[in-house]
């Protein structure tokens, strides 16, 4: 007999057309604004202590309060972008410990959903997956290797309360195919979020159009939708042809605050917060060009101020009636 959770996963509320918010750049906000040490940019280490869990809960509630104010749904991503085997090994976590932490990260989100979810403002719990390698560089794996590598993390989410998984900052097509196949084999809806360079292309030079169309062809269009993250709208706006079918597959944007390139951000010792108001206006223009854009959030350098500005631009009565 099919479980209630399985039925819920098949009918994700964010696929019904409403706008959902998400958070900003978790790691950069914690490091630069709160002085938290995150080795290897891994926020999942905070789950190991009561103080770390408190910091994560406080971080999430800033965004949930904004969503509640605007009466919109929310996609809560777990703090597990680095919680896969290679990164876990660097930090001293074995496979069992990682599985427990991935599930615990989702459990933390269930507490928030119980407090903040409303009938017309559903909250989707998303297990966040990151690339095997550095999120700013093109990785090299076959689809089969990627499917095998990411299977452990996907499996941990599949037996948790996660409604879906989302793979962020993916730099190459083969890894995206492997993640989507792993999600499919575990019965988990998924979204794939690519990152691009300042020319709007993946780090290996492939066009975003090619990436989305190739993954769709290889997986039978299994991803629920695609996203773009860890890039400023200036970097990818020109590559979006509103009249093309592949653009209709883009369902979320989590942009960087800064217009700097990945290499510039990698070398920077300070945080560039950009202009939250200007970023909000760029999101507003993106909502006009991307007919199925439904998830609005941020990435590196963004915080609750940027998400509030995006809401004002995209969800205010003036914007909605424009």
Protein backbone atom coordinates (compact mmCIF):
# COMPACT_ATOMS: atom_id res chain seq x y z
CA UNK A 1 0.00 0.00 0.00
CA UNK A 2 1.30 3.44 -0.90
CA UNK A 3 2.17 5.64 2.07
CA UNK A 4 0.75 9.12 2.61
CA UNK A 5 4.27 10.52 2.23
CA UNK A 6 4.67 8.84 -1.15
CA UNK A 7 1.40 10.40 -2.30
CA UNK A 8 2.56 13.80 -1.04
CA UNK A 9 5.87 13.52 -2.86
CA UNK A 10 4.07 12.80 -6.11
CA UNK A 11 1.95 15.93 -5.73
CA UNK A 12 4.46 18.51 -4.61
CA UNK A 13 2.57 21.71 -3.83
CA UNK A 14 5.22 23.85 -5.52
CA UNK A 15 4.33 22.22 -8.85
CA UNK A 16 0.85 23.76 -8.76
CA UNK A 17 1.94 27.21 -9.92
CA UNK A 18 2.24 29.31 -6.75
CA UNK A 19 5.39 31.24 -5.84
CA UNK A 20 7.63 29.80 -3.13
CA UNK A 21 10.50 31.47 -1.33
CA UNK A 22 13.73 29.90 -0.20
CA UNK A 23 16.64 31.10 1.92
CA UNK A 24 19.78 32.97 0.95
CA UNK A 25 23.45 32.08 1.07
CA UNK A 26 23.55 29.97 4.22
CA UNK A 27 27.28 29.43 4.41
CA UNK A 28 28.35 32.97 3.52
CA UNK A 29 25.79 34.44 5.94
CA UNK A 30 26.98 32.22 8.80
CA UNK A 31 30.66 32.81 8.10
CA UNK A 32 30.71 36.53 7.35
CA UNK A 33 27.77 37.82 9.38
CA UNK A 34 27.90 35.55 12.40
CA UNK A 35 31.57 34.58 12.53
CA UNK A 36 30.83 30.85 12.43
CA UNK A 37 33.67 28.59 11.37
CA UNK A 38 32.56 26.18 8.64
CA UNK A 39 35.43 23.90 7.59
CA UNK A 40 35.32 23.18 3.86
CA UNK A 41 32.20 25.37 3.67
CA UNK A 42 30.26 22.57 5.39
CA UNK A 43 27.26 23.80 7.36
CA UNK A 44 26.17 20.26 8.29
CA UNK A 45 28.83 20.20 11.03
CA UNK A 46 26.58 22.55 13.05
CA UNK A 47 24.09 19.71 13.54
CA UNK A 48 26.52 18.04 15.93
CA UNK A 49 26.05 20.55 18.75
CA UNK A 50 23.09 22.20 20.44
CA UNK A 51 24.61 25.63 19.77
CA UNK A 52 25.04 24.80 16.10
CA UNK A 53 21.45 23.62 15.79
CA UNK A 54 20.29 26.81 17.48
CA UNK A 55 22.21 28.86 14.92
CA UNK A 56 20.62 26.94 12.06
CA UNK A 57 17.13 27.36 13.46
CA UNK A 58 17.69 31.10 13.94
CA UNK A 59 19.02 31.34 10.40
CA UNK A 60 15.98 29.64 8.88
CA UNK A 61 13.41 31.58 10.90
CA UNK A 62 14.54 34.93 9.46
CA UNK A 63 13.40 33.75 6.05
CA UNK A 64 10.31 31.93 7.24
CA UNK A 65 9.15 35.12 8.93
CA UNK A 66 9.44 36.94 5.59
CA UNK A 67 7.44 34.22 3.83
CA UNK A 68 4.81 34.30 6.56
CA UNK A 69 4.51 38.07 6.20
CA UNK A 70 3.88 37.70 2.46
CA UNK A 71 1.67 34.63 2.83
CA UNK A 72 3.76 32.53 0.49
CA UNK A 73 5.03 28.97 0.57
CA UNK A 74 8.61 28.04 1.31
CA UNK A 75 11.20 25.48 0.20
CA UNK A 76 13.30 24.54 3.22
CA UNK A 77 16.65 23.11 2.12
CA UNK A 78 18.63 21.01 4.55
CA UNK A 79 22.13 22.12 5.61
CA UNK A 80 23.68 19.21 3.73
CA UNK A 81 25.27 20.69 0.61
CA UNK A 82 28.63 19.21 1.68
CA UNK A 83 27.29 16.07 3.42
CA UNK A 84 28.50 13.53 0.86
CA UNK A 85 31.26 10.93 1.07
CA UNK A 86 34.34 12.80 -0.16
CA UNK A 87 33.66 15.96 1.83
CA UNK A 88 32.56 13.97 4.86
CA UNK A 89 35.84 12.03 4.81
CA UNK A 90 37.80 15.30 4.86
CA UNK A 91 35.93 16.20 8.05
CA UNK A 92 36.17 12.80 9.74
CA UNK A 93 32.66 11.46 9.07
CA UNK A 94 32.14 7.89 7.89
CA UNK A 95 29.19 6.62 5.83
CA UNK A 96 27.00 5.83 8.84
CA UNK A 97 27.60 9.20 10.47
CA UNK A 98 26.81 10.99 7.21
CA UNK A 99 23.57 9.07 6.75
CA UNK A 100 22.48 10.00 10.25
CA UNK A 101 23.41 13.65 9.76
CA UNK A 102 21.54 13.89 6.46
CA UNK A 103 18.43 12.50 8.11
CA UNK A 104 18.90 14.66 11.18
CA UNK A 105 19.17 17.76 8.99
CA UNK A 106 15.72 17.00 7.58
CA UNK A 107 14.35 16.27 11.04
CA UNK A 108 15.40 19.77 12.08
CA UNK A 109 13.29 21.14 9.24
CA UNK A 110 10.22 19.21 10.36
CA UNK A 111 10.22 21.25 13.57
CA UNK A 112 10.09 24.45 11.54
CA UNK A 113 7.39 23.15 9.22
CA UNK A 114 5.19 22.27 12.20
CA UNK A 115 5.51 25.85 13.45
CA UNK A 116 5.27 27.84 10.23
CA UNK A 117 3.19 25.91 7.69
CA UNK A 118 -0.28 27.25 6.92
CA UNK A 119 -3.01 25.78 4.65
CA UNK A 120 -2.32 28.34 1.90
CA UNK A 121 1.40 28.57 2.55
CA UNK A 122 2.81 25.03 2.36
CA UNK A 123 6.40 24.23 3.24
CA UNK A 124 8.37 21.74 1.15
CA UNK A 125 11.28 19.93 2.80
CA UNK A 126 14.18 19.56 0.40
CA UNK A 127 17.29 17.45 0.92
CA UNK A 128 20.14 19.55 -0.45
CA UNK A 129 22.91 17.87 -2.41
CA UNK A 130 26.08 19.51 -3.64
CA UNK A 131 28.62 18.56 -6.31
CA UNK A 132 31.22 15.93 -5.58
CA UNK A 133 33.96 18.42 -6.34
CA UNK A 134 34.34 22.15 -5.97
CA UNK A 135 31.19 24.05 -6.86
CA UNK A 136 33.19 26.55 -8.91
CA UNK A 137 35.02 24.05 -11.13
CA UNK A 138 33.94 21.52 -13.71
CA UNK A 139 33.97 17.99 -12.32
CA UNK A 140 34.66 14.81 -14.25
CA UNK A 141 32.48 11.78 -13.66
CA UNK A 142 30.43 9.56 -15.87
CA UNK A 143 26.69 9.44 -15.23
CA UNK A 144 27.10 5.95 -13.73
CA UNK A 145 29.87 7.12 -11.39
CA UNK A 146 27.78 10.10 -10.31
CA UNK A 147 24.72 7.94 -9.70
CA UNK A 148 26.77 5.61 -7.52
CA UNK A 149 28.50 8.41 -5.62
CA UNK A 150 25.34 10.34 -4.74
CA UNK A 151 23.22 7.25 -4.01
CA UNK A 152 24.06 7.17 -0.29
CA UNK A 153 22.89 10.73 0.31
CA UNK A 154 19.76 10.26 -1.80
CA UNK A 155 18.98 7.04 0.07
CA UNK A 156 19.27 8.84 3.41
CA UNK A 157 16.79 11.46 2.27
CA UNK A 158 14.44 8.84 0.85
CA UNK A 159 13.86 7.35 4.31
CA UNK A 160 13.51 10.77 5.95
CA UNK A 161 10.64 13.26 5.84
CA UNK A 162 12.18 15.04 2.86
CA UNK A 163 9.63 15.69 0.11
CA UNK A 164 12.26 16.02 -2.61
CA UNK A 165 15.95 16.56 -3.22
CA UNK A 166 17.64 19.47 -4.93
CA UNK A 167 21.18 19.31 -6.28
CA UNK A 168 22.81 22.75 -6.15
CA UNK A 169 25.80 24.32 -7.87
CA UNK A 170 26.12 21.48 -10.36
CA UNK A 171 28.89 22.22 -12.83
CA UNK A 172 28.54 19.48 -15.42
CA UNK A 173 25.91 17.52 -17.28
CA UNK A 174 27.05 13.98 -16.46
CA UNK A 175 26.87 14.55 -12.71
CA UNK A 176 23.40 16.02 -13.11
CA UNK A 177 22.27 12.93 -15.03
CA UNK A 178 23.66 10.65 -12.33
CA UNK A 179 21.94 12.55 -9.53
CA UNK A 180 18.61 12.52 -11.37
CA UNK A 181 18.89 8.78 -12.00
CA UNK A 182 19.71 8.14 -8.35
CA UNK A 183 16.70 10.19 -7.26
CA UNK A 184 14.50 8.28 -9.68
CA UNK A 185 15.69 4.90 -8.43
CA UNK A 186 14.87 5.94 -4.85
CA UNK A 187 11.47 7.40 -5.73
CA UNK A 188 12.47 10.95 -4.83
CA UNK A 189 11.30 13.96 -6.86
CA UNK A 190 14.28 16.13 -7.68
CA UNK A 191 15.37 19.49 -9.03
CA UNK A 192 18.74 20.15 -10.62
CA UNK A 193 20.37 23.54 -10.18
CA UNK A 194 23.25 24.43 -12.48
CA UNK A 195 25.78 27.17 -11.91
CA UNK A 196 27.22 29.23 -14.75
CA UNK A 197 30.16 31.51 -15.36
CA UNK A 198 29.94 35.19 -16.34
CA UNK A 199 29.27 34.14 -19.96
CA UNK A 200 26.16 32.20 -18.96
CA UNK A 201 27.80 28.84 -19.66
CA UNK A 202 28.69 25.96 -17.36
CA UNK A 203 32.32 25.92 -16.14
CA UNK A 204 33.18 23.39 -18.87
CA UNK A 205 31.82 25.71 -21.55
CA UNK A 206 28.55 23.90 -22.26
CA UNK A 207 25.47 26.05 -22.75
CA UNK A 208 22.70 25.99 -20.17
CA UNK A 209 20.31 25.02 -22.95
CA UNK A 210 22.43 21.96 -23.75
CA UNK A 211 22.62 21.00 -20.09
CA UNK A 212 18.87 21.03 -19.51
CA UNK A 213 17.98 19.35 -22.78
CA UNK A 214 20.63 16.64 -22.36
CA UNK A 215 19.60 15.76 -18.81
CA UNK A 216 15.96 15.67 -19.85
CA UNK A 217 16.75 13.37 -22.78
CA UNK A 218 18.86 11.03 -20.61
CA UNK A 219 16.35 10.78 -17.77
CA UNK A 220 12.97 10.95 -19.48
CA UNK A 221 12.48 14.49 -18.11
CA UNK A 222 12.61 13.14 -14.58
CA UNK A 223 13.66 16.37 -12.79
CA UNK A 224 10.59 18.28 -11.64
CA UNK A 225 12.31 21.48 -12.74
CA UNK A 226 15.73 23.10 -13.11
CA UNK A 227 17.29 26.01 -11.31
CA UNK A 228 20.21 28.39 -11.65
CA UNK A 229 22.25 29.20 -8.57
CA UNK A 230 25.56 30.75 -7.50
CA UNK A 231 25.62 33.24 -10.37
CA UNK A 232 24.39 36.81 -10.70
CA UNK A 233 21.48 37.53 -13.10
CA UNK A 234 23.87 39.64 -15.17
CA UNK A 235 25.74 36.44 -15.97
CA UNK A 236 22.86 34.40 -17.37
CA UNK A 237 20.08 36.80 -18.33
CA UNK A 238 21.23 37.17 -21.93
CA UNK A 239 21.26 33.39 -22.45
CA UNK A 240 17.56 33.00 -21.62
CA UNK A 241 15.49 32.84 -24.79
CA UNK A 242 11.95 33.24 -23.48
CA UNK A 243 10.51 31.65 -26.61
CA UNK A 244 12.41 28.36 -26.26
CA UNK A 245 10.91 25.25 -24.71
CA UNK A 246 13.93 24.57 -22.47
CA UNK A 247 13.44 27.89 -20.68
CA UNK A 248 10.03 26.63 -19.52
CA UNK A 249 11.89 23.99 -17.51
CA UNK A 250 13.54 26.62 -15.28
CA UNK A 251 11.55 26.71 -12.06
CA UNK A 252 13.89 28.43 -9.61
CA UNK A 253 16.59 31.08 -9.24
CA UNK A 254 19.01 31.39 -6.34
CA UNK A 255 21.38 34.10 -7.52
CA UNK A 256 24.54 35.51 -5.99
CA UNK A 257 24.50 39.01 -4.56
CA UNK A 258 27.72 39.95 -6.32
CA UNK A 259 28.42 40.40 -10.02
CA UNK A 260 31.95 39.05 -9.51
CA UNK A 261 33.09 35.90 -11.25
CA UNK A 262 33.58 32.62 -9.40
CA UNK A 263 37.35 33.03 -9.46
CA UNK A 264 37.06 36.54 -8.03
CA UNK A 265 34.74 35.36 -5.27
CA UNK A 266 37.06 32.45 -4.50
CA UNK A 267 39.95 34.84 -3.91
CA UNK A 268 37.98 37.45 -1.96
CA UNK A 269 38.47 37.73 1.79
CA UNK A 270 35.44 39.99 2.23
CA UNK A 271 31.78 39.57 1.40
CA UNK A 272 30.27 41.53 -1.48
CA UNK A 273 26.57 42.01 -0.63
CA UNK A 274 25.76 43.79 -3.87
CA UNK A 275 22.58 45.87 -3.98
CA UNK A 276 19.53 44.02 -2.54
CA UNK A 277 17.01 46.42 -4.11
CA UNK A 278 18.60 46.16 -7.57
CA UNK A 279 18.73 42.38 -7.26
CA UNK A 280 15.03 42.34 -6.41
CA UNK A 281 14.25 44.31 -9.56
CA UNK A 282 16.29 41.87 -11.64
CA UNK A 283 14.28 39.01 -10.18
CA UNK A 284 11.14 40.87 -11.12
CA UNK A 285 12.30 41.00 -14.75
CA UNK A 286 13.20 37.31 -14.61
CA UNK A 287 9.66 36.43 -13.48
CA UNK A 288 8.41 38.12 -16.65
CA UNK A 289 10.78 36.12 -18.85
CA UNK A 290 10.58 32.73 -17.16
CA UNK A 291 6.94 31.59 -17.33
CA UNK A 292 7.37 28.73 -14.84
CA UNK A 293 9.64 30.40 -12.33
CA UNK A 294 8.23 29.45 -8.93
CA UNK A 295 11.13 29.28 -6.42
CA UNK A 296 12.85 32.55 -5.47
CA UNK A 297 15.89 32.44 -3.20
CA UNK A 298 19.49 33.51 -2.96
CA UNK A 299 23.00 32.12 -2.91
CA UNK A 300 26.46 33.44 -1.99
CA UNK A 301 26.41 36.88 -0.40
CA UNK A 302 22.64 37.06 -0.03
CA UNK A 303 20.81 37.15 3.29
CA UNK A 304 17.33 37.93 4.60
CA UNK A 305 17.60 41.52 3.32
CA UNK A 306 17.97 40.31 -0.26
CA UNK A 307 15.05 37.89 0.05
CA UNK A 308 12.91 40.68 1.53
CA UNK A 309 13.83 42.91 -1.43
CA UNK A 310 12.98 40.13 -3.88
CA UNK A 311 9.60 39.75 -2.19
CA UNK A 312 8.91 43.47 -2.39
CA UNK A 313 9.73 43.45 -6.10
CA UNK A 314 8.01 40.22 -7.08
CA UNK A 315 5.22 39.68 -4.57
CA UNK A 316 4.04 43.14 -3.60
CA UNK A 317 0.54 44.21 -4.75
CA UNK A 318 2.12 46.69 -7.17
CA UNK A 319 4.32 44.03 -8.75
CA UNK A 320 1.51 41.49 -8.94
CA UNK A 321 -0.80 43.90 -10.70
CA UNK A 322 1.83 45.19 -13.12
